[in-house]
Structures are given as structure tokens and as C-alpha cells.
Amino acid sequence: MTVTSAQSRPLGGARQPGFGSVLASEWTKLRSVRSTWIIIVLTITLSIGFSALIALVQGVTFDDWGPQEQAVFDPLINSTSGLLFGLILLIVLGVISVTSEYSSGTIRTTFIATPKRLRVLAAKTLIVGLLGIIIAAIIMPAMIFVSQMIFGAYGMETVSAGDEGVMRLILSFIFAGGLIYTLIPLAIGFILRGAASAITLSIGLFFLPWMLAPLLPNWVQENIIRFLPDLAMDSLGGIIAADSAMYLSQTPAIVTILAWLVGSVAVAAFLLKRRDA
């Protein structure tokens, strides 16, 4: 349906809540849901914990590695081994910040209280995006720090914050990763309205092309795969080598990330205005 529900129209001459009030309301709703805090705690503990565990396994077995394996060991990239768990949970956080209201029916109450739906979208986007950045700012430095301590304890090569590429990786993940892994799923949540379908599509978007990329022709990597949001973030962070077909230089990578963020939220805004709650 494209006709806005009568319940979502302002009642009489009721005063519209300001953006600050909508922002406070959305934050209250998000933090009052137990699953929000469970996801945040799991994101932090699993990311850091699995990175530490994998670093420990690498340290214990390092002497058994061949000379070539030891020579190509990258202490920075290997510090992020547990990041996959955190990324999946960030996706879940972005999705359920929207779909939990659709499944419970409280989204109707939200739009009755705030008939200007785009204010709700803007408030959710700001809150969830900031939360994603804060979580990323905790897990990325912690993963690297803990892993370097373990590598050093076993006499392996280590890196420090001042070494080339370290801060580039940290900052790119904090800002680019913290946003794309929460806000694109948030937008997909508004578009699909169902948690299972939105999580499935988001995980497929972020991880399936990355897994299949080595099997695909170079022209697919150059013209399609490298312009996906997570691959652009990997290029920005220096994870993808500059001679790879999937590499984007910094400016195109930033533009690609911004295009995905703006585009996904714009589609969500368009559908939010046209559909019933």
C-alpha cells in the first residue's frame, strides 16, 4: 500500500516532537531492550576472545611452521582473526534496532507519536551509527593489543601503534566499519521489516562476495566486487594489497563507502514515506 495510515497522521493540532525529543526516545528504546546489551557484550568479548585464542594457537605452533610460513606471517592482519564474530553481531544490532519494533507492533506507536517518519529514521541512524563507532573503537585496538602481547611472548614478530599501517587499519575500521556494518543493515531492516530476512541479506551482502571473490574472473573483481562496502573498507584499511584486482585507492574507497551508506538509507527513507507501518 502507498497510502499513509490514518493512525500515523498528526492528531488535531498536536505539536510535533522536536528532533532532540525523538533522539532521546530512540535511545531510551534501544538501551531498554536487553538484547541490545547482550549483543554489545558478545560483540566485544567474542571479537577479542577469539583473536586472543587464535593468536595463542599460532604462538604455540609457530616453531612448527615452515620457513616460508614464518616469513609471510603478518602480525597485524593476524591480530584481527576474531573480527568475523564481531561483524556479524554488529549486523544483528543494526537490524534488530528496527525490526524489533516491527515484530512487536510498537512501530505504529512510534509513528503516531512522531508522524514525521524521517525524524525517526534520522534518530535511529545517528544513535546506531555512533554506537557502532564506539563498539569498533573498543574491539579493534583491544584485539591488536592483546594479540601483540601473545605474539611477543612467543618470540614472534609484533607491531606497535606507530608502525606503518597500524593506525590506518584501526581508524578505517572504527569509522568505516562501525558505520557500514550497522547502518546498511539498519536500512535493510527498514526495507524488509523482518529480522531473519534482513540479517540473511546483510550477511550475504558483506560476506558471500568476499568468500567467492578468489573464484571469480578478474573483470568481476575489478568492476563489481571491489565496489562492495566491505571490500572498499578493506582497501581503505590496507588489508587488500595494492596490486590486487579488488583494490581501491583511498579516495574511491571513501566515496564507495559513503555511496553505500547514503544510498541504502535513502532507499529506506523513500519506502518509509510510501508504506504503511
Protein backbone atom coordinates (compact mmCIF):
# COMPACT_ATOMS: atom_id res chain seq x y z
CA MET A 1 0.00 0.00 0.00
CA THR A 2 1.14 3.54 -0.68
CA VAL A 3 -1.47 5.38 1.37
CA THR A 4 -0.18 6.53 4.74
CA SER A 5 -2.11 5.01 7.64
CA ALA A 6 -4.56 7.33 9.35
CA GLN A 7 -3.03 6.37 12.67
CA SER A 8 0.26 7.93 11.57
CA ARG A 9 -1.24 11.37 10.87
CA PRO A 10 -0.95 14.15 13.43
CA LEU A 11 -3.97 14.25 15.74
CA GLY A 12 -5.67 17.62 15.55
CA GLY A 13 -3.19 20.35 16.16
CA ALA A 14 -0.87 18.23 18.29
CA ARG A 15 2.62 19.63 18.49
CA GLN A 16 5.28 17.68 16.63
CA PRO A 17 8.14 16.43 18.84
CA GLY A 18 11.49 18.04 18.05
CA PHE A 19 14.45 16.06 16.81
CA GLY A 20 16.07 16.14 20.26
CA SER A 21 13.00 14.52 21.79
CA VAL A 22 12.90 11.87 19.06
CA LEU A 23 16.60 11.20 19.56
CA ALA A 24 16.14 10.77 23.32
CA SER A 25 13.15 8.49 22.76
CA GLU A 26 15.00 6.26 20.30
CA TRP A 27 17.99 5.97 22.63
CA THR A 28 15.71 5.07 25.54
CA LYS A 29 14.04 2.35 23.48
CA LEU A 30 17.34 0.90 22.28
CA ARG A 31 19.04 0.81 25.68
CA SER A 32 15.95 -0.54 27.46
CA VAL A 33 15.99 -3.72 25.36
CA ARG A 34 18.06 -6.45 27.00
CA SER A 35 19.14 -7.93 23.67
CA THR A 36 20.95 -4.68 22.83
CA TRP A 37 23.31 -5.09 25.76
CA ILE A 38 23.71 -8.82 25.18
CA ILE A 39 24.78 -8.16 21.59
CA ILE A 40 27.19 -5.40 22.65
CA VAL A 41 28.84 -7.59 25.30
CA LEU A 42 29.06 -10.57 22.93
CA THR A 43 30.49 -8.40 20.15
CA ILE A 44 33.30 -7.17 22.39
CA THR A 45 34.07 -10.42 24.21
CA LEU A 46 33.90 -12.74 21.20
CA SER A 47 35.97 -10.47 18.95
CA ILE A 48 38.73 -10.00 21.50
CA GLY A 49 38.47 -13.52 22.92
CA PHE A 50 38.70 -15.36 19.62
CA SER A 51 41.52 -13.12 18.40
CA ALA A 52 43.44 -13.91 21.58
CA LEU A 53 42.70 -17.63 21.27
CA ILE A 54 43.83 -17.81 17.66
CA ALA A 55 46.95 -15.76 18.49
CA LEU A 56 47.71 -18.22 21.29
CA VAL A 57 47.34 -21.19 18.96
CA GLN A 58 49.63 -19.50 16.44
CA GLY A 59 52.17 -18.79 19.16
CA VAL A 60 52.18 -22.36 20.46
CA THR A 61 52.58 -23.83 16.98
CA PHE A 62 54.85 -21.15 15.48
CA ASP A 63 58.06 -23.18 15.86
CA ASP A 64 56.47 -25.97 13.84
CA TRP A 65 55.76 -23.71 10.90
CA GLY A 66 57.95 -23.90 7.82
CA PRO A 67 60.41 -21.08 6.99
CA GLN A 68 58.13 -19.73 4.27
CA GLU A 69 55.09 -19.64 6.57
CA GLN A 70 57.08 -17.82 9.24
CA ALA A 71 58.44 -15.35 6.69
CA VAL A 72 55.00 -14.29 5.43
CA PHE A 73 53.42 -14.05 8.89
CA ASP A 74 51.70 -10.67 9.29
CA PRO A 75 51.25 -9.78 12.97
CA LEU A 76 48.78 -7.00 12.19
CA ILE A 77 46.36 -8.90 9.95
CA ASN A 78 46.58 -11.96 12.19
CA SER A 79 45.50 -9.82 15.14
CA THR A 80 42.02 -9.50 13.65
CA SER A 81 41.21 -13.19 13.39
CA GLY A 82 38.21 -12.92 15.70
CA LEU A 83 36.70 -9.94 13.94
CA LEU A 84 34.22 -12.02 11.96
CA PHE A 85 32.15 -12.69 15.08
CA GLY A 86 32.01 -9.01 15.93
CA LEU A 87 30.99 -8.01 12.42
CA ILE A 88 28.11 -10.47 12.35
CA LEU A 89 26.88 -9.19 15.71
CA LEU A 90 27.14 -5.57 14.55
CA ILE A 91 24.92 -6.54 11.63
CA VAL A 92 22.42 -8.10 14.03
CA LEU A 93 22.48 -4.96 16.18
CA GLY A 94 21.72 -2.74 13.20
CA VAL A 95 18.87 -4.95 12.02
CA ILE A 96 17.09 -5.53 15.33
CA SER A 97 17.21 -1.83 16.21
CA VAL A 98 14.49 -1.57 13.56
CA THR A 99 12.84 -4.95 13.13
CA SER A 100 12.18 -5.47 16.85
CA GLU A 101 9.66 -2.63 16.63
CA TYR A 102 8.01 -4.07 13.55
CA SER A 103 7.70 -7.53 15.11
CA SER A 104 6.23 -6.17 18.35
CA GLY A 105 3.98 -3.65 16.62
CA THR A 106 5.43 -0.72 18.58
CA ILE A 107 6.50 0.93 15.33
CA ARG A 108 2.88 2.11 14.95
CA THR A 109 3.06 3.83 18.33
CA THR A 110 6.36 5.38 17.30
CA PHE A 111 4.85 6.86 14.15
CA ILE A 112 1.74 8.07 15.97
CA ALA A 113 3.99 9.91 18.44
CA THR A 114 6.26 11.12 15.62
CA PRO A 115 4.28 11.39 12.36
CA LYS A 116 7.34 12.79 10.58
CA ARG A 117 8.84 9.38 9.96
CA LEU A 118 12.12 10.63 8.58
CA ARG A 119 12.91 12.07 12.01
CA VAL A 120 12.64 8.56 13.41
CA LEU A 121 14.91 7.22 10.67
CA ALA A 122 17.43 10.02 11.24
CA ALA A 123 17.43 9.48 15.01
CA LYS A 124 17.89 5.71 14.71
CA THR A 125 20.63 6.21 12.13
CA LEU A 126 22.53 8.64 14.34
CA ILE A 127 22.24 6.54 17.50
CA VAL A 128 23.05 3.18 15.93
CA GLY A 129 25.89 4.67 13.87
CA LEU A 130 27.50 6.26 16.94
CA LEU A 131 27.06 3.02 18.87
CA GLY A 132 28.74 1.11 16.05
CA ILE A 133 31.70 3.51 16.08
CA ILE A 134 32.06 3.21 19.87
CA ILE A 135 31.99 -0.60 19.76
CA ALA A 136 34.51 -0.65 16.90
CA ALA A 137 36.74 1.76 18.83
CA ILE A 138 36.82 -0.74 21.69
CA ILE A 139 37.33 -4.01 19.87
CA MET A 140 39.87 -3.14 17.17
CA PRO A 141 42.62 -1.63 19.38
CA ALA A 142 41.97 -4.28 22.04
CA MET A 143 42.28 -7.16 19.56
CA ILE A 144 45.55 -5.83 18.22
CA PHE A 145 46.99 -5.05 21.67
CA VAL A 146 46.13 -8.46 23.16
CA SER A 147 47.35 -10.36 20.10
CA GLN A 148 50.66 -8.46 20.03
CA MET A 149 51.26 -9.34 23.68
CA ILE A 150 50.73 -13.01 22.88
CA PHE A 151 52.89 -12.90 19.74
CA GLY A 152 55.66 -11.17 21.68
CA ALA A 153 55.52 -13.75 24.46
CA TYR A 154 56.31 -16.45 21.91
CA GLY A 155 59.10 -14.51 20.23
CA MET A 156 57.07 -13.76 17.12
CA GLU A 157 57.15 -10.55 15.12
CA THR A 158 54.97 -7.79 16.57
CA VAL A 159 53.77 -4.31 15.61
CA SER A 160 53.09 -1.17 17.62
CA ALA A 161 50.73 1.76 17.10
CA GLY A 162 53.47 3.80 15.43
CA ASP A 163 54.26 1.20 12.79
CA GLU A 164 53.15 1.71 9.21
CA GLY A 165 49.60 0.62 8.51
CA VAL A 166 48.52 0.07 12.11
CA MET A 167 46.59 3.28 12.70
CA ARG A 168 45.27 3.16 9.14
CA LEU A 169 43.67 -0.21 9.84
CA ILE A 170 42.35 0.84 13.25
CA LEU A 171 40.83 4.13 12.11
CA SER A 172 39.32 2.70 8.93
CA PHE A 173 37.56 0.01 10.90
CA ILE A 174 36.40 2.33 13.66
CA PHE A 175 34.76 4.82 11.33
CA ALA A 176 34.04 2.93 8.10
CA GLY A 177 33.41 -0.47 9.68
CA GLY A 178 31.49 0.91 12.63
CA LEU A 179 29.10 2.60 10.21
CA ILE A 180 28.67 0.19 7.32
CA TYR A 181 28.13 -2.89 9.47
CA THR A 182 25.37 -1.18 11.46
CA LEU A 183 23.73 1.38 9.18
CA ILE A 184 23.41 -0.64 5.99
CA PRO A 185 21.73 -3.48 7.97
CA LEU A 186 19.58 -0.84 9.71
CA ALA A 187 18.42 0.41 6.31
CA ILE A 188 17.79 -3.15 5.13
CA GLY A 189 15.75 -3.67 8.31
CA PHE A 190 13.50 -0.76 7.34
CA ILE A 191 13.25 -2.08 3.78
CA LEU A 192 12.43 -5.72 4.61
CA ARG A 193 10.92 -5.25 8.10
CA GLY A 194 11.78 -8.81 9.14
CA ALA A 195 14.81 -9.73 11.25
CA ALA A 196 15.57 -13.08 9.62
CA SER A 197 15.39 -11.81 6.04
CA ALA A 198 17.29 -8.59 6.82
CA ILE A 199 20.09 -10.40 8.68
CA THR A 200 20.37 -13.02 5.92
CA LEU A 201 20.56 -10.40 3.17
CA SER A 202 23.07 -8.30 5.13
CA ILE A 203 25.36 -11.25 5.85
CA GLY A 204 25.10 -12.31 2.21
CA LEU A 205 25.97 -8.81 1.02
CA PHE A 206 29.00 -8.47 3.28
CA PHE A 207 30.50 -11.96 3.33
CA LEU A 208 29.37 -14.00 0.31
CA PRO A 209 31.14 -11.91 -2.37
CA TRP A 210 34.28 -11.81 -0.23
CA MET A 211 34.26 -15.62 0.06
CA LEU A 212 33.59 -16.17 -3.65
CA ALA A 213 35.92 -13.45 -4.95
CA PRO A 214 39.02 -15.68 -5.41
CA LEU A 215 36.95 -17.97 -7.64
CA LEU A 216 35.66 -15.19 -9.87
CA PRO A 217 37.30 -13.74 -13.02
CA ASN A 218 39.43 -10.62 -12.67
CA TRP A 219 36.91 -8.46 -14.53
CA VAL A 220 34.26 -9.31 -11.92
CA GLN A 221 36.67 -8.42 -9.12
CA GLU A 222 37.66 -5.16 -10.81
CA ASN A 223 34.20 -3.96 -11.85
CA ILE A 224 31.87 -5.36 -9.19
CA ILE A 225 33.45 -6.92 -6.12
CA ARG A 226 35.80 -4.10 -5.18
CA PHE A 227 32.91 -1.63 -5.13
CA LEU A 228 31.07 -3.52 -2.39
CA PRO A 229 31.14 -1.79 1.02
CA ASP A 230 33.24 -4.26 3.00
CA LEU A 231 35.80 -4.63 0.20
CA ALA A 232 36.08 -0.85 -0.02
CA MET A 233 36.68 -0.76 3.73
CA ASP A 234 39.37 -3.45 3.41
CA SER A 235 41.09 -1.38 0.73
CA LEU A 236 40.87 1.71 2.92
CA GLY A 237 42.39 -0.18 5.84
CA GLY A 238 45.23 -1.68 3.81
CA ILE A 239 44.02 -5.27 4.13
CA ILE A 240 43.77 -5.69 0.36
CA ALA A 241 47.12 -5.43 -1.40
CA ALA A 242 47.58 -2.54 -3.83
CA ASP A 243 48.32 -4.94 -6.70
CA SER A 244 45.06 -6.85 -6.21
CA ALA A 245 42.23 -6.59 -8.74
CA MET A 246 39.92 -5.80 -5.80
CA TYR A 247 41.95 -2.84 -4.50
CA LEU A 248 40.59 0.70 -4.44
CA SER A 249 42.77 3.69 -3.64
CA GLN A 250 41.73 5.76 -0.63
CA THR A 251 39.54 8.40 -2.28
CA PRO A 252 37.48 5.96 -4.39
CA ALA A 253 37.18 3.68 -1.35
CA ILE A 254 35.79 6.52 0.79
CA VAL A 255 33.40 7.57 -1.99
CA THR A 256 32.21 3.97 -2.37
CA ILE A 257 31.56 3.62 1.36
CA LEU A 258 29.67 6.92 1.51
CA ALA A 259 27.63 5.98 -1.57
CA TRP A 260 26.54 2.72 0.05
CA LEU A 261 25.64 4.45 3.31
CA VAL A 262 23.71 7.29 1.70
CA GLY A 263 22.11 5.08 -0.92
CA SER A 264 20.84 2.43 1.49
CA VAL A 265 19.42 4.98 3.94
CA ALA A 266 17.84 6.91 1.04
CA VAL A 267 16.03 3.77 -0.17
CA ALA A 268 14.84 3.11 3.38
CA ALA A 269 13.60 6.72 3.65
CA PHE A 270 11.75 6.50 0.34
CA LEU A 271 9.93 3.30 1.32
CA LEU A 272 9.27 4.54 4.84
CA LYS A 273 7.41 7.53 3.45
CA ARG A 274 5.34 5.49 1.00
CA ARG A 275 4.31 2.43 3.02
CA ASP A 276 2.04 1.87 5.98
CA ALA A 277 3.65 0.99 9.30
